[in-house]
Amino acid sequence: MGAGMPTVTEPAEEPAVAPPSGAERSPCCSLYHHAVELIGRRWTGAILLVLVEGGPLRFSEIRVLVPDVSDRLLSERLKELEAEEVVVRHVYDETPVRVEYELTAKGKALQPALEALKQWSHDYCPDAARR
């Protein structure tokens, strides 16, 4: 190369990351991805947590316990959870009609995961509450 000409060096090629010895890595499971997408939707985790902690609740009670969620979005999320058989909607033939939402066995099985995530949030996200 001539004098005064900058030299161009190509970046070194990064070595491929090999799986741990003796272990074969598999792609992310589609069932896991579906579960994370379901629970990770806006407000869904909070709705599930209040149902885990409070048992059967009326719409208005959930609304009070998850104060920033709009009625429209709460209704939408509850319908999604019903469709996934995570929540069951009980309608009581009373005057006025009473409707309660309760976790199914499938929903109750999420309790350890929700409680672990809640603890993790307290341990590692303390500044988030101040935002």
Protein backbone atom coordinates (compact mmCIF):
# COMPACT_ATOMS: atom_id res chain seq x y z
CA MET A 1 0.00 0.00 0.00
CA GLY A 2 1.17 3.49 -0.67
CA ALA A 3 2.39 5.99 1.91
CA GLY A 4 -0.40 7.87 3.63
CA MET A 5 -3.04 5.30 2.71
CA PRO A 6 -4.87 3.92 5.71
CA THR A 7 -4.76 0.20 6.06
CA VAL A 8 -8.04 -1.60 6.16
CA THR A 9 -8.29 -4.66 8.30
CA GLU A 10 -11.20 -6.98 8.19
CA PRO A 11 -12.74 -7.82 11.55
CA ALA A 12 -11.79 -11.23 12.80
CA GLU A 13 -14.51 -13.76 12.22
CA GLU A 14 -16.26 -14.61 15.46
CA PRO A 15 -16.01 -18.28 16.37
CA ALA A 16 -19.32 -20.10 16.44
CA VAL A 17 -20.58 -20.72 19.95
CA ALA A 18 -20.57 -24.43 20.53
CA PRO A 19 -23.09 -26.06 22.83
CA PRO A 20 -21.72 -27.29 26.15
CA SER A 21 -19.73 -30.45 25.68
CA GLY A 22 -21.90 -33.52 25.48
CA ALA A 23 -25.09 -31.45 25.20
CA GLU A 24 -27.15 -30.96 22.08
CA ARG A 25 -29.07 -27.66 21.99
CA SER A 26 -32.56 -27.64 20.62
CA PRO A 27 -34.55 -24.69 19.30
CA CYS A 28 -36.98 -22.85 21.53
CA CYS A 29 -40.09 -24.92 22.11
CA SER A 30 -43.21 -23.50 20.45
CA LEU A 31 -45.29 -24.43 23.52
CA TYR A 32 -42.96 -22.42 25.76
CA HIS A 33 -43.13 -19.50 23.34
CA HIS A 34 -46.94 -19.62 23.32
CA ALA A 35 -47.06 -19.63 27.15
CA VAL A 36 -44.67 -16.68 27.44
CA GLU A 37 -46.61 -14.74 24.81
CA LEU A 38 -49.89 -15.41 26.63
CA ILE A 39 -48.68 -14.44 30.09
CA GLY A 40 -46.53 -11.63 28.78
CA ARG A 41 -49.36 -9.70 27.14
CA ARG A 42 -49.96 -6.28 28.65
CA TRP A 43 -51.74 -6.64 32.03
CA THR A 44 -52.21 -10.41 31.79
CA GLY A 45 -49.56 -11.19 34.40
CA ALA A 46 -51.09 -8.70 36.84
CA ILE A 47 -54.59 -10.08 36.26
CA LEU A 48 -53.39 -13.63 36.88
CA LEU A 49 -51.49 -12.59 39.99
CA VAL A 50 -54.54 -10.94 41.62
CA LEU A 51 -56.61 -14.04 40.83
CA VAL A 52 -53.90 -16.27 42.35
CA GLU A 53 -53.78 -14.12 45.47
CA GLY A 54 -57.48 -13.30 45.76
CA GLY A 55 -59.42 -16.30 44.56
CA PRO A 56 -62.64 -15.73 42.60
CA LEU A 57 -63.12 -12.03 41.87
CA ARG A 58 -65.70 -9.86 40.17
CA PHE A 59 -64.71 -7.69 37.23
CA SER A 60 -64.87 -4.54 39.37
CA GLU A 61 -62.66 -6.13 42.05
CA ILE A 62 -60.01 -7.04 39.47
CA ARG A 63 -60.27 -3.48 38.10
CA VAL A 64 -59.53 -2.06 41.58
CA LEU A 65 -56.61 -4.45 42.14
CA VAL A 66 -55.10 -3.66 38.71
CA PRO A 67 -55.90 0.06 38.70
CA ASP A 68 -54.17 1.18 35.48
CA VAL A 69 -55.91 -1.30 33.17
CA SER A 70 -58.85 0.01 31.14
CA ASP A 71 -62.21 -1.76 31.22
CA ARG A 72 -61.88 -2.62 27.53
CA LEU A 73 -58.44 -4.16 27.93
CA LEU A 74 -59.41 -6.02 31.11
CA SER A 75 -62.41 -7.51 29.33
CA GLU A 76 -60.26 -8.48 26.34
CA ARG A 77 -57.61 -10.15 28.51
CA LEU A 78 -60.19 -12.07 30.54
CA LYS A 79 -61.77 -13.37 27.30
CA GLU A 80 -58.32 -14.49 26.07
CA LEU A 81 -57.64 -16.28 29.35
CA GLU A 82 -61.07 -17.95 29.16
CA ALA A 83 -60.36 -19.10 25.60
CA GLU A 84 -57.07 -20.62 26.81
CA GLU A 85 -58.95 -22.29 29.71
CA VAL A 86 -56.80 -20.50 32.27
CA VAL A 87 -59.76 -18.58 33.72
CA VAL A 88 -63.39 -19.60 34.07
CA ARG A 89 -66.26 -17.11 34.15
CA HIS A 90 -69.09 -17.92 36.56
CA VAL A 91 -72.45 -16.22 36.02
CA TYR A 92 -74.81 -16.37 39.00
CA ASP A 93 -78.53 -16.03 38.35
CA GLU A 94 -79.19 -13.33 40.91
CA THR A 95 -80.63 -9.85 40.79
CA PRO A 96 -78.47 -8.10 39.78
CA VAL A 97 -76.58 -10.78 37.90
CA ARG A 98 -73.23 -11.57 39.54
CA VAL A 99 -70.21 -12.58 37.44
CA GLU A 100 -66.97 -13.86 38.94
CA TYR A 101 -63.68 -14.91 37.39
CA GLU A 102 -61.66 -17.75 38.82
CA LEU A 103 -58.52 -19.61 37.84
CA THR A 104 -59.00 -23.11 36.49
CA ALA A 105 -56.64 -25.93 37.51
CA LYS A 106 -54.54 -24.94 34.49
CA GLY A 107 -54.44 -21.35 35.78
CA LYS A 108 -53.69 -22.39 39.36
CA ALA A 109 -50.71 -24.37 38.05
CA LEU A 110 -49.15 -21.00 37.16
CA GLN A 111 -48.98 -19.97 40.82
CA PRO A 112 -45.35 -21.02 41.48
CA ALA A 113 -44.17 -19.29 38.29
CA LEU A 114 -46.12 -16.10 39.07
CA GLU A 115 -44.87 -15.99 42.65
CA ALA A 116 -41.28 -16.58 41.50
CA LEU A 117 -41.60 -13.77 38.95
CA LYS A 118 -43.07 -11.48 41.62
CA GLN A 119 -40.12 -12.22 43.92
CA TRP A 120 -37.67 -11.70 41.07
CA SER A 121 -39.26 -8.31 40.34
CA HIS A 122 -38.81 -7.26 43.97
CA ASP A 123 -35.19 -8.44 43.96
CA TYR A 124 -34.09 -7.05 40.61
CA CYS A 125 -36.53 -4.31 39.54
CA PRO A 126 -36.95 -2.06 42.60
CA ASP A 127 -36.55 1.13 40.54
CA ALA A 128 -39.44 0.18 38.22
CA ALA A 129 -41.99 1.10 40.92
CA ARG A 130 -40.72 4.67 40.91
CA ARG A 131 -41.29 5.21 37.17
